[in-house]
């Protein structure tokens, strides 16, 4: 079972908030989802697995401690000195003239006064998963994406006229779908290990429950920490002679 941490929950909410469906509802001033959502074909998902390596666990512990203290010097010792990559939509944006810690700081926004970058680093440190990236030999990136039939998922999005931000997957078996956004509301269904459609609702508050539609077409609510998005920003690790180090980042951040 994969554990979800605050930074990962934030990633899910950001994905949801930027989906076309909720953008249209906000423009219309609507808080309610579309009146009817049809059943859809289930696409199975296998959650990502943890990297079982004591040296990797030690690195994550040190990352978490550095994040808690906002200790840039301690963090620098955990990052490769040279060869750090920062993959964005327009290619590798890492400044190869600068040490790895400077590029990581820019990618995460560690210098921002709100401290959000350090919170994000802490959430990465808590995530035990990792999967190899084909673009960088020997690099493992986290949080790892689940395994699924890509073609079937693409067909699902085309059929339902949705995009990636409208979908998530359960992070544990038998996630409970409730009739109302309350922990004591009746359970109307339990999620199978498959993609589930998120139906965003407007509002200024960060929700603790999300409205979803199951493959059977039932509308209900799940705890926000019980499902996860696909396509998050990822931090990447490489294993050197002296152990694991942070070697790259895939995703947003400040422009260089």
C-alpha atoms as a PDB file:
ATOM      1  CA  UNK A   1       0.000   0.000   0.000  1.00  0.00           C
ATOM      2  CA  UNK A   2       1.233   3.446  -0.819  1.00  0.00           C
ATOM      3  CA  UNK A   3       1.132   6.163   1.820  1.00  0.00           C
ATOM      4  CA  UNK A   4      -0.013   9.636   0.798  1.00  0.00           C
ATOM      5  CA  UNK A   5       1.503  12.680   2.444  1.00  0.00           C
ATOM      6  CA  UNK A   6       0.437  16.350   2.615  1.00  0.00           C
ATOM      7  CA  UNK A   7       2.493  17.477  -0.360  1.00  0.00           C
ATOM      8  CA  UNK A   8       1.054  14.665  -2.444  1.00  0.00           C
ATOM      9  CA  UNK A   9      -2.484  15.672  -1.441  1.00  0.00           C
ATOM     10  CA  UNK A  10      -1.654  19.224  -2.524  1.00  0.00           C
ATOM     11  CA  UNK A  11      -0.522  17.879  -5.878  1.00  0.00           C
ATOM     12  CA  UNK A  12      -3.843  16.103  -6.305  1.00  0.00           C
ATOM     13  CA  UNK A  13      -5.781  19.263  -5.478  1.00  0.00           C
ATOM     14  CA  UNK A  14      -3.686  21.303  -7.906  1.00  0.00           C
ATOM     15  CA  UNK A  15      -4.313  18.780 -10.682  1.00  0.00           C
ATOM     16  CA  UNK A  16      -8.040  18.876  -9.944  1.00  0.00           C
ATOM     17  CA  UNK A  17      -8.168  22.664  -9.777  1.00  0.00           C
ATOM     18  CA  UNK A  18      -6.552  23.096 -13.177  1.00  0.00           C
ATOM     19  CA  UNK A  19      -8.781  20.649 -15.043  1.00  0.00           C
ATOM     20  CA  UNK A  20     -10.999  22.138 -17.789  1.00  0.00           C
ATOM     21  CA  UNK A  21     -14.177  20.993 -16.059  1.00  0.00           C
ATOM     22  CA  UNK A  22     -13.632  23.001 -12.919  1.00  0.00           C
ATOM     23  CA  UNK A  23     -12.304  25.984 -14.841  1.00  0.00           C
ATOM     24  CA  UNK A  24     -15.586  26.170 -16.767  1.00  0.00           C
ATOM     25  CA  UNK A  25     -17.639  25.822 -13.601  1.00  0.00           C
ATOM     26  CA  UNK A  26     -15.703  28.636 -11.936  1.00  0.00           C
ATOM     27  CA  UNK A  27     -16.277  30.909 -14.919  1.00  0.00           C
ATOM     28  CA  UNK A  28     -19.996  30.226 -14.659  1.00  0.00           C
ATOM     29  CA  UNK A  29     -19.959  30.639 -10.888  1.00  0.00           C
ATOM     30  CA  UNK A  30     -21.053  27.029 -10.429  1.00  0.00           C
ATOM     31  CA  UNK A  31     -20.102  24.909  -7.449  1.00  0.00           C
ATOM     32  CA  UNK A  32     -22.062  21.823  -8.505  1.00  0.00           C
ATOM     33  CA  UNK A  33     -20.741  19.183 -10.895  1.00  0.00           C
ATOM     34  CA  UNK A  34     -22.524  18.282 -14.124  1.00  0.00           C
ATOM     35  CA  UNK A  35     -26.024  16.906 -13.462  1.00  0.00           C
ATOM     36  CA  UNK A  36     -25.282  13.470 -14.885  1.00  0.00           C
ATOM     37  CA  UNK A  37     -22.137  11.437 -15.412  1.00  0.00           C
ATOM     38  CA  UNK A  38     -22.467   8.145 -17.252  1.00  0.00           C
ATOM     39  CA  UNK A  39     -20.882   4.844 -16.220  1.00  0.00           C
ATOM     40  CA  UNK A  40     -17.544   4.150 -17.862  1.00  0.00           C
ATOM     41  CA  UNK A  41     -15.228   1.237 -18.514  1.00  0.00           C
ATOM     42  CA  UNK A  42     -12.899   0.457 -15.620  1.00  0.00           C
ATOM     43  CA  UNK A  43      -9.169   0.631 -16.358  1.00  0.00           C
ATOM     44  CA  UNK A  44      -7.184  -1.389 -13.822  1.00  0.00           C
ATOM     45  CA  UNK A  45      -4.300   0.197 -11.912  1.00  0.00           C
ATOM     46  CA  UNK A  46      -1.429  -1.408 -10.019  1.00  0.00           C
ATOM     47  CA  UNK A  47      -0.085   1.014  -7.364  1.00  0.00           C
ATOM     48  CA  UNK A  48       3.668   1.739  -7.370  1.00  0.00           C
ATOM     49  CA  UNK A  49       6.030  -0.198  -5.144  1.00  0.00           C
ATOM     50  CA  UNK A  50       8.508   1.005  -2.540  1.00  0.00           C
ATOM     51  CA  UNK A  51      12.275   0.889  -3.088  1.00  0.00           C
ATOM     52  CA  UNK A  52      13.463  -1.584  -0.479  1.00  0.00           C
ATOM     53  CA  UNK A  53      17.010  -0.385   0.125  1.00  0.00           C
ATOM     54  CA  UNK A  54      18.284   0.691   3.575  1.00  0.00           C
ATOM     55  CA  UNK A  55      20.615   3.235   1.937  1.00  0.00           C
ATOM     56  CA  UNK A  56      17.673   4.817   0.129  1.00  0.00           C
ATOM     57  CA  UNK A  57      15.688   4.933   3.353  1.00  0.00           C
ATOM     58  CA  UNK A  58      18.646   6.648   5.028  1.00  0.00           C
ATOM     59  CA  UNK A  59      18.751   9.307   2.312  1.00  0.00           C
ATOM     60  CA  UNK A  60      15.040   9.990   2.682  1.00  0.00           C
ATOM     61  CA  UNK A  61      15.456  10.348   6.437  1.00  0.00           C
ATOM     62  CA  UNK A  62      18.249  12.898   5.957  1.00  0.00           C
ATOM     63  CA  UNK A  63      16.120  14.763   3.384  1.00  0.00           C
ATOM     64  CA  UNK A  64      13.254  14.952   5.849  1.00  0.00           C
ATOM     65  CA  UNK A  65      15.494  16.267   8.600  1.00  0.00           C
ATOM     66  CA  UNK A  66      16.977  18.924   6.307  1.00  0.00           C
ATOM     67  CA  UNK A  67      13.488  19.940   5.167  1.00  0.00           C
ATOM     68  CA  UNK A  68      12.254  20.242   8.737  1.00  0.00           C
ATOM     69  CA  UNK A  69      15.154  22.536   9.642  1.00  0.00           C
ATOM     70  CA  UNK A  70      15.137  24.315   6.247  1.00  0.00           C
ATOM     71  CA  UNK A  71      18.856  23.539   6.242  1.00  0.00           C
ATOM     72  CA  UNK A  72      20.235  24.228   2.785  1.00  0.00           C
ATOM     73  CA  UNK A  73      23.786  23.260   3.725  1.00  0.00           C
ATOM     74  CA  UNK A  74      22.689  19.840   4.946  1.00  0.00           C
ATOM     75  CA  UNK A  75      20.576  19.362   1.833  1.00  0.00           C
ATOM     76  CA  UNK A  76      23.493  20.271  -0.430  1.00  0.00           C
ATOM     77  CA  UNK A  77      25.399  17.215   0.830  1.00  0.00           C
ATOM     78  CA  UNK A  78      22.555  15.013  -0.419  1.00  0.00           C
ATOM     79  CA  UNK A  79      22.515  16.390  -3.988  1.00  0.00           C
ATOM     80  CA  UNK A  80      24.884  15.512  -6.818  1.00  0.00           C
ATOM     81  CA  UNK A  81      27.484  18.203  -7.364  1.00  0.00           C
ATOM     82  CA  UNK A  82      27.328  18.054 -11.153  1.00  0.00           C
ATOM     83  CA  UNK A  83      24.996  16.499 -13.698  1.00  0.00           C
ATOM     84  CA  UNK A  84      21.738  17.507 -12.022  1.00  0.00           C
ATOM     85  CA  UNK A  85      18.847  17.547 -14.500  1.00  0.00           C
ATOM     86  CA  UNK A  86      15.607  19.527 -14.383  1.00  0.00           C
ATOM     87  CA  UNK A  87      13.170  18.277 -16.976  1.00  0.00           C
ATOM     88  CA  UNK A  88      10.328  20.580 -17.980  1.00  0.00           C
ATOM     89  CA  UNK A  89       8.047  20.708 -21.011  1.00  0.00           C
ATOM     90  CA  UNK A  90      10.683  22.599 -22.968  1.00  0.00           C
ATOM     91  CA  UNK A  91      13.568  20.309 -22.074  1.00  0.00           C
ATOM     92  CA  UNK A  92      16.316  20.262 -19.460  1.00  0.00           C
ATOM     93  CA  UNK A  93      16.304  23.644 -17.701  1.00  0.00           C
ATOM     94  CA  UNK A  94      19.120  22.912 -15.245  1.00  0.00           C
ATOM     95  CA  UNK A  95      21.974  25.403 -15.357  1.00  0.00           C
ATOM     96  CA  UNK A  96      24.970  23.090 -15.813  1.00  0.00           C
ATOM     97  CA  UNK A  97      27.296  25.853 -14.643  1.00  0.00           C
ATOM     98  CA  UNK A  98      25.748  25.734 -11.165  1.00  0.00           C
ATOM     99  CA  UNK A  99      25.997  23.028  -8.512  1.00  0.00           C
ATOM    100  CA  UNK A 100      23.117  20.610  -8.108  1.00  0.00           C
ATOM    101  CA  UNK A 101      21.777  22.228  -4.941  1.00  0.00           C
ATOM    102  CA  UNK A 102      21.215  25.539  -6.745  1.00  0.00           C
ATOM    103  CA  UNK A 103      19.207  23.840  -9.467  1.00  0.00           C
ATOM    104  CA  UNK A 104      17.181  21.857  -6.932  1.00  0.00           C
ATOM    105  CA  UNK A 105      16.480  25.041  -4.975  1.00  0.00           C
ATOM    106  CA  UNK A 106      15.195  26.729  -8.131  1.00  0.00           C
ATOM    107  CA  UNK A 107      13.066  23.726  -9.097  1.00  0.00           C
ATOM    108  CA  UNK A 108      11.410  23.498  -5.674  1.00  0.00           C
ATOM    109  CA  UNK A 109      11.343  27.230  -4.958  1.00  0.00           C
ATOM    110  CA  UNK A 110      13.259  26.786  -1.699  1.00  0.00           C
ATOM    111  CA  UNK A 111      13.961  30.503  -1.477  1.00  0.00           C
ATOM    112  CA  UNK A 112      10.277  31.453  -1.392  1.00  0.00           C
ATOM    113  CA  UNK A 113       9.293  33.045   1.898  1.00  0.00           C
ATOM    114  CA  UNK A 114       6.184  30.882   2.330  1.00  0.00           C
ATOM    115  CA  UNK A 115       8.321  27.769   2.786  1.00  0.00           C
ATOM    116  CA  UNK A 116       6.195  25.734   0.383  1.00  0.00           C
ATOM    117  CA  UNK A 117       9.294  24.341  -1.328  1.00  0.00           C
ATOM    118  CA  UNK A 118      10.576  22.882   1.916  1.00  0.00           C
ATOM    119  CA  UNK A 119       7.147  21.360   2.588  1.00  0.00           C
ATOM    120  CA  UNK A 120       7.267  19.784  -0.866  1.00  0.00           C
ATOM    121  CA  UNK A 121      10.738  18.402  -0.159  1.00  0.00           C
ATOM    122  CA  UNK A 122       9.431  16.882   3.075  1.00  0.00           C
ATOM    123  CA  UNK A 123       6.605  15.161   1.191  1.00  0.00           C
ATOM    124  CA  UNK A 124       9.088  13.746  -1.321  1.00  0.00           C
ATOM    125  CA  UNK A 125      11.227  12.481   1.552  1.00  0.00           C
ATOM    126  CA  UNK A 126       8.229  10.642   2.990  1.00  0.00           C
ATOM    127  CA  UNK A 127       7.466   8.809  -0.253  1.00  0.00           C
ATOM    128  CA  UNK A 128       9.178   5.375  -0.408  1.00  0.00           C
ATOM    129  CA  UNK A 129       8.327   4.645  -4.056  1.00  0.00           C
ATOM    130  CA  UNK A 130      10.465   5.089  -7.138  1.00  0.00           C
ATOM    131  CA  UNK A 131      10.551   4.025 -10.762  1.00  0.00           C
ATOM    132  CA  UNK A 132      13.235   4.226 -13.415  1.00  0.00           C
ATOM    133  CA  UNK A 133      12.973   7.031 -15.937  1.00  0.00           C
ATOM    134  CA  UNK A 134      13.848   6.116 -19.535  1.00  0.00           C
ATOM    135  CA  UNK A 135      15.351   9.544 -20.200  1.00  0.00           C
ATOM    136  CA  UNK A 136      18.115   9.315 -17.580  1.00  0.00           C
ATOM    137  CA  UNK A 137      19.918   6.022 -17.147  1.00  0.00           C
ATOM    138  CA  UNK A 138      20.147   4.900 -13.554  1.00  0.00           C
ATOM    139  CA  UNK A 139      17.755   7.536 -12.208  1.00  0.00           C
ATOM    140  CA  UNK A 140      14.748   6.547 -10.099  1.00  0.00           C
ATOM    141  CA  UNK A 141      11.980   9.121  -9.716  1.00  0.00           C
ATOM    142  CA  UNK A 142       9.326   9.547  -7.042  1.00  0.00           C
ATOM    143  CA  UNK A 143       6.474   9.537  -6.445  1.00  0.00           C
ATOM    144  CA  UNK A 144       6.388   6.662  -8.908  1.00  0.00           C
ATOM    145  CA  UNK A 145       3.415   6.380 -11.225  1.00  0.00           C
ATOM    146  CA  UNK A 146       1.243   3.269 -11.080  1.00  0.00           C
ATOM    147  CA  UNK A 147       1.192   0.608 -13.783  1.00  0.00           C
ATOM    148  CA  UNK A 148      -1.780   0.543 -16.168  1.00  0.00           C
ATOM    149  CA  UNK A 149      -2.772   0.008 -19.785  1.00  0.00           C
ATOM    150  CA  UNK A 150      -1.870   3.368 -21.344  1.00  0.00           C
ATOM    151  CA  UNK A 151      -3.893   2.778 -24.507  1.00  0.00           C
ATOM    152  CA  UNK A 152      -6.989   1.767 -22.537  1.00  0.00           C
ATOM    153  CA  UNK A 153      -6.667   4.860 -20.363  1.00  0.00           C
ATOM    154  CA  UNK A 154      -6.288   7.112 -23.417  1.00  0.00           C
ATOM    155  CA  UNK A 155      -9.427   5.547 -24.891  1.00  0.00           C
ATOM    156  CA  UNK A 156     -11.232   6.152 -21.597  1.00  0.00           C
ATOM    157  CA  UNK A 157     -10.339   9.850 -21.625  1.00  0.00           C
ATOM    158  CA  UNK A 158     -11.439  10.170 -25.254  1.00  0.00           C
ATOM    159  CA  UNK A 159     -14.728   8.394 -24.626  1.00  0.00           C
ATOM    160  CA  UNK A 160     -15.549  10.507 -21.562  1.00  0.00           C
ATOM    161  CA  UNK A 161     -14.176  13.768 -23.047  1.00  0.00           C
ATOM    162  CA  UNK A 162     -11.886  14.237 -20.056  1.00  0.00           C
ATOM    163  CA  UNK A 163      -8.191  14.802 -19.451  1.00  0.00           C
ATOM    164  CA  UNK A 164      -5.564  13.530 -17.030  1.00  0.00           C
ATOM    165  CA  UNK A 165      -6.583  15.968 -14.304  1.00  0.00           C
ATOM    166  CA  UNK A 166     -10.045  14.413 -14.069  1.00  0.00           C
ATOM    167  CA  UNK A 167      -8.743  11.044 -12.892  1.00  0.00           C
ATOM    168  CA  UNK A 168      -7.084   9.469  -9.871  1.00  0.00           C
ATOM    169  CA  UNK A 169      -6.535   5.977  -8.493  1.00  0.00           C
ATOM    170  CA  UNK A 170      -7.091   4.428  -5.041  1.00  0.00           C
ATOM    171  CA  UNK A 171      -3.928   4.064  -2.982  1.00  0.00           C
ATOM    172  CA  UNK A 172      -5.197   1.153  -0.893  1.00  0.00           C
ATOM    173  CA  UNK A 173      -7.675  -1.692  -1.324  1.00  0.00           C
ATOM    174  CA  UNK A 174     -11.431  -1.149  -0.919  1.00  0.00           C
ATOM    175  CA  UNK A 175     -11.445   2.636  -0.560  1.00  0.00           C
ATOM    176  CA  UNK A 176     -14.882   3.589   0.779  1.00  0.00           C
ATOM    177  CA  UNK A 177     -17.152   5.800  -1.309  1.00  0.00           C
ATOM    178  CA  UNK A 178     -19.599   7.605   0.961  1.00  0.00           C
ATOM    179  CA  UNK A 179     -22.974   9.171   0.287  1.00  0.00           C
ATOM    180  CA  UNK A 180     -21.881  12.530   1.743  1.00  0.00           C
ATOM    181  CA  UNK A 181     -18.542  14.265   2.441  1.00  0.00           C
ATOM    182  CA  UNK A 182     -18.475  13.028   6.018  1.00  0.00           C
ATOM    183  CA  UNK A 183     -16.506  10.258   7.687  1.00  0.00           C
ATOM    184  CA  UNK A 184     -19.668   8.755   9.200  1.00  0.00           C
ATOM    185  CA  UNK A 185     -21.788   8.919   6.036  1.00  0.00           C
ATOM    186  CA  UNK A 186     -23.122   5.612   4.664  1.00  0.00           C
ATOM    187  CA  UNK A 187     -20.780   3.658   2.384  1.00  0.00           C
ATOM    188  CA  UNK A 188     -22.361   3.250  -1.057  1.00  0.00           C
ATOM    189  CA  UNK A 189     -19.500   1.423  -2.781  1.00  0.00           C
ATOM    190  CA  UNK A 190     -15.881   0.369  -2.404  1.00  0.00           C
ATOM    191  CA  UNK A 191     -13.375   1.215  -5.122  1.00  0.00           C
ATOM    192  CA  UNK A 192     -11.658  -1.501  -7.098  1.00  0.00           C
ATOM    193  CA  UNK A 193      -7.988  -0.949  -8.072  1.00  0.00           C
ATOM    194  CA  UNK A 194      -8.913   1.126 -11.125  1.00  0.00           C
ATOM    195  CA  UNK A 195      -9.068   4.736 -12.231  1.00  0.00           C
ATOM    196  CA  UNK A 196     -11.889   6.769 -10.731  1.00  0.00           C
ATOM    197  CA  UNK A 197     -13.291  10.002 -12.132  1.00  0.00           C
ATOM    198  CA  UNK A 198     -13.053  13.127  -9.997  1.00  0.00           C
ATOM    199  CA  UNK A 199     -15.886  15.646 -10.312  1.00  0.00           C
ATOM    200  CA  UNK A 200     -14.463  18.930  -8.949  1.00  0.00           C
ATOM    201  CA  UNK A 201     -16.517  21.392  -6.995  1.00  0.00           C
ATOM    202  CA  UNK A 202     -15.810  25.096  -6.665  1.00  0.00           C
ATOM    203  CA  UNK A 203     -15.093  26.842  -3.392  1.00  0.00           C
ATOM    204  CA  UNK A 204     -12.222  28.589  -1.589  1.00  0.00           C
ATOM    205  CA  UNK A 205     -11.642  25.912   1.047  1.00  0.00           C
ATOM    206  CA  UNK A 206      -9.311  22.929   0.737  1.00  0.00           C
ATOM    207  CA  UNK A 207     -11.596  19.880   0.896  1.00  0.00           C
ATOM    208  CA  UNK A 208     -11.095  16.802   3.031  1.00  0.00           C
ATOM    209  CA  UNK A 209     -13.367  14.817   0.699  1.00  0.00           C
ATOM    210  CA  UNK A 210     -13.594  14.746  -3.081  1.00  0.00           C
ATOM    211  CA  UNK A 211     -16.658  13.970  -5.169  1.00  0.00           C
ATOM    212  CA  UNK A 212     -16.082  11.033  -7.504  1.00  0.00           C
ATOM    213  CA  UNK A 213     -18.034   8.963  -9.984  1.00  0.00           C
ATOM    214  CA  UNK A 214     -17.299   5.240  -9.934  1.00  0.00           C
ATOM    215  CA  UNK A 215     -17.149   3.105 -13.084  1.00  0.00           C
ATOM    216  CA  UNK A 216     -20.684   1.921 -12.227  1.00  0.00           C
ATOM    217  CA  UNK A 217     -21.886   5.523 -12.492  1.00  0.00           C
ATOM    218  CA  UNK A 218     -22.447   6.050  -8.760  1.00  0.00           C
ATOM    219  CA  UNK A 219     -21.645   9.506  -7.378  1.00  0.00           C
ATOM    220  CA  UNK A 220     -20.164   9.739  -3.911  1.00  0.00           C
ATOM    221  CA  UNK A 221     -17.310  11.077  -1.826  1.00  0.00           C
ATOM    222  CA  UNK A 222     -13.887   9.722  -0.869  1.00  0.00           C
ATOM    223  CA  UNK A 223     -11.304  11.002   1.562  1.00  0.00           C
ATOM    224  CA  UNK A 224      -8.798  13.196  -0.253  1.00  0.00           C
ATOM    225  CA  UNK A 225      -5.892  11.125   1.059  1.00  0.00           C
ATOM    226  CA  UNK A 226      -7.332   7.849  -0.246  1.00  0.00           C
ATOM    227  CA  UNK A 227      -6.727   8.545  -3.943  1.00  0.00           C
ATOM    228  CA  UNK A 228      -3.773   9.882  -5.888  1.00  0.00           C
ATOM    229  CA  UNK A 229      -3.217  11.583  -9.252  1.00  0.00           C
ATOM    230  CA  UNK A 230      -1.007  10.520 -12.131  1.00  0.00           C
ATOM    231  CA  UNK A 231       1.631  12.817 -13.591  1.00  0.00           C
ATOM    232  CA  UNK A 232       2.989  14.548 -10.479  1.00  0.00           C
ATOM    233  CA  UNK A 233       6.180  16.515 -10.272  1.00  0.00           C
ATOM    234  CA  UNK A 234       8.919  14.047  -9.364  1.00  0.00           C
ATOM    235  CA  UNK A 235      12.223  14.180  -7.559  1.00  0.00           C
ATOM    236  CA  UNK A 236      14.846  11.796  -8.943  1.00  0.00           C
ATOM    237  CA  UNK A 237      17.599   9.829  -7.260  1.00  0.00           C
ATOM    238  CA  UNK A 238      20.792   8.234  -8.483  1.00  0.00           C
ATOM    239  CA  UNK A 239      22.939   5.638  -6.723  1.00  0.00           C
ATOM    240  CA  UNK A 240      26.627   6.421  -6.598  1.00  0.00           C
ATOM    241  CA  UNK A 241      29.532   4.597  -4.991  1.00  0.00           C
ATOM    242  CA  UNK A 242      28.928   6.465  -1.757  1.00  0.00           C
ATOM    243  CA  UNK A 243      25.181   5.837  -1.716  1.00  0.00           C
ATOM    244  CA  UNK A 244      22.008   7.477  -3.011  1.00  0.00           C
ATOM    245  CA  UNK A 245      21.815  11.155  -3.909  1.00  0.00           C
ATOM    246  CA  UNK A 246      19.248  13.526  -5.367  1.00  0.00           C
ATOM    247  CA  UNK A 247      20.059  13.738  -9.052  1.00  0.00           C
ATOM    248  CA  UNK A 248      17.234  15.585 -10.745  1.00  0.00           C
ATOM    249  CA  UNK A 249      13.722  16.953 -10.832  1.00  0.00           C
ATOM    250  CA  UNK A 250      10.854  16.551 -13.294  1.00  0.00           C
ATOM    251  CA  UNK A 251       8.196  19.225 -13.295  1.00  0.00           C
ATOM    252  CA  UNK A 252       7.528  22.887 -12.683  1.00  0.00           C
ATOM    253  CA  UNK A 253       9.279  25.421 -10.524  1.00  0.00           C
ATOM    254  CA  UNK A 254      10.761  28.848 -11.162  1.00  0.00           C
ATOM    255  CA  UNK A 255      11.963  29.623 -14.652  1.00  0.00           C
ATOM    256  CA  UNK A 256      15.677  29.877 -15.149  1.00  0.00           C
END
